[in-house]
Each structure stands twice: as structure tokens, then as C-alpha cells.
C-alpha atoms as a PDB file:
ATOM      1  CA  MET A   1     -65.087  60.900 124.384  1.00  0.00           C
ATOM      2  CA  THR A   2     -66.778  63.813 123.366  1.00  0.00           C
ATOM      3  CA  GLU A   3     -65.748  65.893 120.819  1.00  0.00           C
ATOM      4  CA  THR A   4     -65.105  68.803 123.279  1.00  0.00           C
ATOM      5  CA  SER A   5     -62.544  66.530 125.189  1.00  0.00           C
ATOM      6  CA  ALA A   6     -61.040  65.225 122.367  1.00  0.00           C
ATOM      7  CA  ALA A   7     -59.735  68.746 121.059  1.00  0.00           C
ATOM      8  CA  SER A   8     -55.954  68.975 121.863  1.00  0.00           C
ATOM      9  CA  GLN A   9     -56.057  72.828 122.052  1.00  0.00           C
ATOM     10  CA  PRO A  10     -58.798  75.610 122.700  1.00  0.00           C
ATOM     11  CA  GLY A  11     -60.884  76.334 119.515  1.00  0.00           C
ATOM     12  CA  GLN A  12     -59.508  73.580 117.406  1.00  0.00           C
ATOM     13  CA  GLU A  13     -62.282  72.215 114.985  1.00  0.00           C
ATOM     14  CA  VAL A  14     -62.782  68.407 115.454  1.00  0.00           C
ATOM     15  CA  ARG A  15     -63.703  66.203 112.500  1.00  0.00           C
ATOM     16  CA  PRO A  16     -65.441  63.204 113.086  1.00  0.00           C
ATOM     17  CA  ILE A  17     -63.870  60.375 112.340  1.00  0.00           C
ATOM     18  CA  ASP A  18     -64.588  58.346 108.779  1.00  0.00           C
ATOM     19  CA  PHE A  19     -62.488  56.567 106.741  1.00  0.00           C
ATOM     20  CA  SER A  20     -60.406  58.821 104.942  1.00  0.00           C
ATOM     21  CA  THR A  21     -59.456  60.640 107.980  1.00  0.00           C
ATOM     22  CA  PHE A  22     -58.390  57.475 109.629  1.00  0.00           C
ATOM     23  CA  VAL A  23     -56.325  56.698 106.596  1.00  0.00           C
ATOM     24  CA  LEU A  24     -55.007  60.191 106.547  1.00  0.00           C
ATOM     25  CA  SER A  25     -53.708  59.899 110.131  1.00  0.00           C
ATOM     26  CA  LEU A  26     -52.033  56.729 109.571  1.00  0.00           C
ATOM     27  CA  ALA A  27     -50.335  58.064 106.439  1.00  0.00           C
ATOM     28  CA  SER A  28     -49.231  61.308 108.546  1.00  0.00           C
ATOM     29  CA  SER A  29     -47.669  59.088 110.864  1.00  0.00           C
ATOM     30  CA  ALA A  30     -45.779  57.489 108.057  1.00  0.00           C
ATOM     31  CA  GLN A  31     -44.488  60.324 106.917  1.00  0.00           C
ATOM     32  CA  VAL A  32     -43.254  61.390 110.467  1.00  0.00           C
ATOM     33  CA  HIS A  33     -41.483  58.159 110.307  1.00  0.00           C
ATOM     34  CA  LEU A  34     -40.184  58.673 107.000  1.00  0.00           C
ATOM     35  CA  GLY A  35     -38.881  62.348 108.173  1.00  0.00           C
ATOM     36  CA  LEU A  36     -41.006  63.944 105.229  1.00  0.00           C
ATOM     37  CA  VAL A  37     -42.482  66.509 108.458  1.00  0.00           C
ATOM     38  CA  ASP A  38     -41.607  67.303 111.953  1.00  0.00           C
ATOM     39  CA  ASN A  39     -42.313  64.686 114.665  1.00  0.00           C
ATOM     40  CA  PRO A  40     -45.050  66.526 116.403  1.00  0.00           C
ATOM     41  CA  VAL A  41     -43.623  66.060 119.965  1.00  0.00           C
ATOM     42  CA  SER A  42     -40.109  66.757 119.237  1.00  0.00           C
ATOM     43  CA  GLY A  43     -40.659  69.440 116.750  1.00  0.00           C
ATOM     44  CA  LYS A  44     -37.719  68.047 114.522  1.00  0.00           C
ATOM     45  CA  LYS A  45     -37.808  65.679 111.479  1.00  0.00           C
ATOM     46  CA  GLU A  46     -36.813  62.197 112.485  1.00  0.00           C
ATOM     47  CA  LYS A  47     -36.439  59.177 110.637  1.00  0.00           C
ATOM     48  CA  ASP A  48     -37.236  55.471 111.255  1.00  0.00           C
ATOM     49  CA  LEU A  49     -37.874  53.350 108.606  1.00  0.00           C
ATOM     50  CA  THR A  50     -38.838  50.369 110.268  1.00  0.00           C
ATOM     51  CA  LEU A  51     -41.693  52.341 111.746  1.00  0.00           C
ATOM     52  CA  ALA A  52     -42.558  53.960 108.641  1.00  0.00           C
ATOM     53  CA  THR A  53     -42.724  50.269 106.864  1.00  0.00           C
ATOM     54  CA  GLN A  54     -44.814  48.953 109.396  1.00  0.00           C
ATOM     55  CA  THR A  55     -47.230  51.928 109.181  1.00  0.00           C
ATOM     56  CA  ILE A  56     -47.324  51.545 105.252  1.00  0.00           C
ATOM     57  CA  ASP A  57     -47.915  47.787 105.776  1.00  0.00           C
ATOM     58  CA  VAL A  58     -51.158  48.296 108.174  1.00  0.00           C
ATOM     59  CA  LEU A  59     -52.142  50.838 105.485  1.00  0.00           C
ATOM     60  CA  GLY A  60     -51.705  47.996 102.868  1.00  0.00           C
ATOM     61  CA  ILE A  61     -53.777  45.493 105.057  1.00  0.00           C
ATOM     62  CA  LEU A  62     -56.530  47.939 104.991  1.00  0.00           C
ATOM     63  CA  GLU A  63     -56.568  48.263 101.270  1.00  0.00           C
ATOM     64  CA  GLU A  64     -56.691  44.494 100.953  1.00  0.00           C
ATOM     65  CA  LYS A  65     -59.089  44.012 103.566  1.00  0.00           C
ATOM     66  CA  THR A  66     -61.549  46.569 102.429  1.00  0.00           C
ATOM     67  CA  LYS A  67     -61.357  45.711  98.980  1.00  0.00           C
ATOM     68  CA  GLY A  68     -64.835  46.081  97.243  1.00  0.00           C
ATOM     69  CA  ASN A  69     -66.196  47.939 100.017  1.00  0.00           C
ATOM     70  CA  LEU A  70     -64.670  51.455  99.781  1.00  0.00           C
ATOM     71  CA  ASN A  71     -66.468  53.869  97.759  1.00  0.00           C
ATOM     72  CA  GLU A  72     -64.720  55.425  94.668  1.00  0.00           C
ATOM     73  CA  ASP A  73     -63.003  58.589  96.557  1.00  0.00           C
ATOM     74  CA  GLU A  74     -61.840  56.238  99.695  1.00  0.00           C
ATOM     75  CA  GLU A  75     -60.455  53.670  97.350  1.00  0.00           C
ATOM     76  CA  LYS A  76     -58.677  56.389  95.325  1.00  0.00           C
ATOM     77  CA  LEU A  77     -57.136  58.147  98.552  1.00  0.00           C
ATOM     78  CA  LEU A  78     -55.895  54.494  99.765  1.00  0.00           C
ATOM     79  CA  THR A  79     -54.433  53.729  96.937  1.00  0.00           C
ATOM     80  CA  GLN A  80     -52.702  57.057  95.955  1.00  0.00           C
ATOM     81  CA  LEU A  81     -51.341  57.140  99.377  1.00  0.00           C
ATOM     82  CA  LEU A  82     -49.661  53.729  99.525  1.00  0.00           C
ATOM     83  CA  TYR A  83     -47.961  53.964  95.808  1.00  0.00           C
ATOM     84  CA  GLU A  84     -46.256  57.600  97.433  1.00  0.00           C
ATOM     85  CA  LEU A  85     -45.303  56.143 100.678  1.00  0.00           C
ATOM     86  CA  ARG A  86     -44.117  53.254  99.347  1.00  0.00           C
ATOM     87  CA  MET A  87     -42.008  55.016  96.328  1.00  0.00           C
ATOM     88  CA  ILE A  88     -40.696  57.449  98.877  1.00  0.00           C
ATOM     89  CA  CYS A  89     -39.963  54.665 101.574  1.00  0.00           C
ATOM     90  CA  VAL A  90     -38.190  53.036  98.760  1.00  0.00           C
ATOM     91  CA  GLU A  91     -36.467  55.796  97.989  1.00  0.00           C
ATOM     92  CA  ALA A  92     -35.261  56.431 101.810  1.00  0.00           C
ATOM     93  CA  LYS A  93     -34.205  52.330 102.361  1.00  0.00           C
ATOM     94  CA  ASN A  94     -31.823  53.032  99.174  1.00  0.00           C
ATOM     95  CA  ALA A  95     -30.353  56.151 100.470  1.00  0.00           C
ATOM     96  CA  GLU A  96     -29.330  54.472 103.378  1.00  0.00           C
ATOM     97  CA  GLY A  97     -28.086  51.445 101.727  1.00  0.00           C
ATOM     98  CA  ASP A  98     -25.819  53.806 100.049  1.00  0.00           C
ATOM     99  CA  LYS A  99     -23.955  55.273 103.067  1.00  0.00           C
END
């Protein structure tokens, strides 16, 4: 796929994919599933804690499998995102259990 064809909208800047971009993409997906941001397809906030947990687990696997191979910025990004997403997910699961 060329950079031009990868753009979903005319004039949209296409960033090259690197580890940080990949991690941020997964984190964005988790945020959608946690209901924190609008689903880009429906335009609505939708919560699916099963999918959120699965995406967070994928990030956890990446953290485990890349340990010692990331630069300082990549490691910090992944660690912080995982911490924040895990805390939000736990809070969301606890809130669902209170219903």
C-alpha cells in the first residue's frame, strides 16, 4: 500500500508506522471499547469491556515480549498507557458490577 492510498481522506497526513504509532493505535482502540471516545464508525460512545480487556492484554504481551528491546521513550509510552488503561478498565468493571 502506498502512502497516498493509505490516507482515508484527501489531505490527511500519513505518518509512517513505527512502534509508538502502533502502540497508540492499540491504545485508541482500547479507549473506544472503554467508551472513553466515540466509535469512529457509529460516532457514539460504546462500551465493550471484553474487547477493551483483550486489547489491553495485547499491549501487555507487547510489553513483555519487547522488554529490553525498546528505547526509553517507547518503554515509557507503553508503560504509562498500560497503567492508565488498566486502571480505567478496572474502574469500569467495578462500576458495571455495582449495577
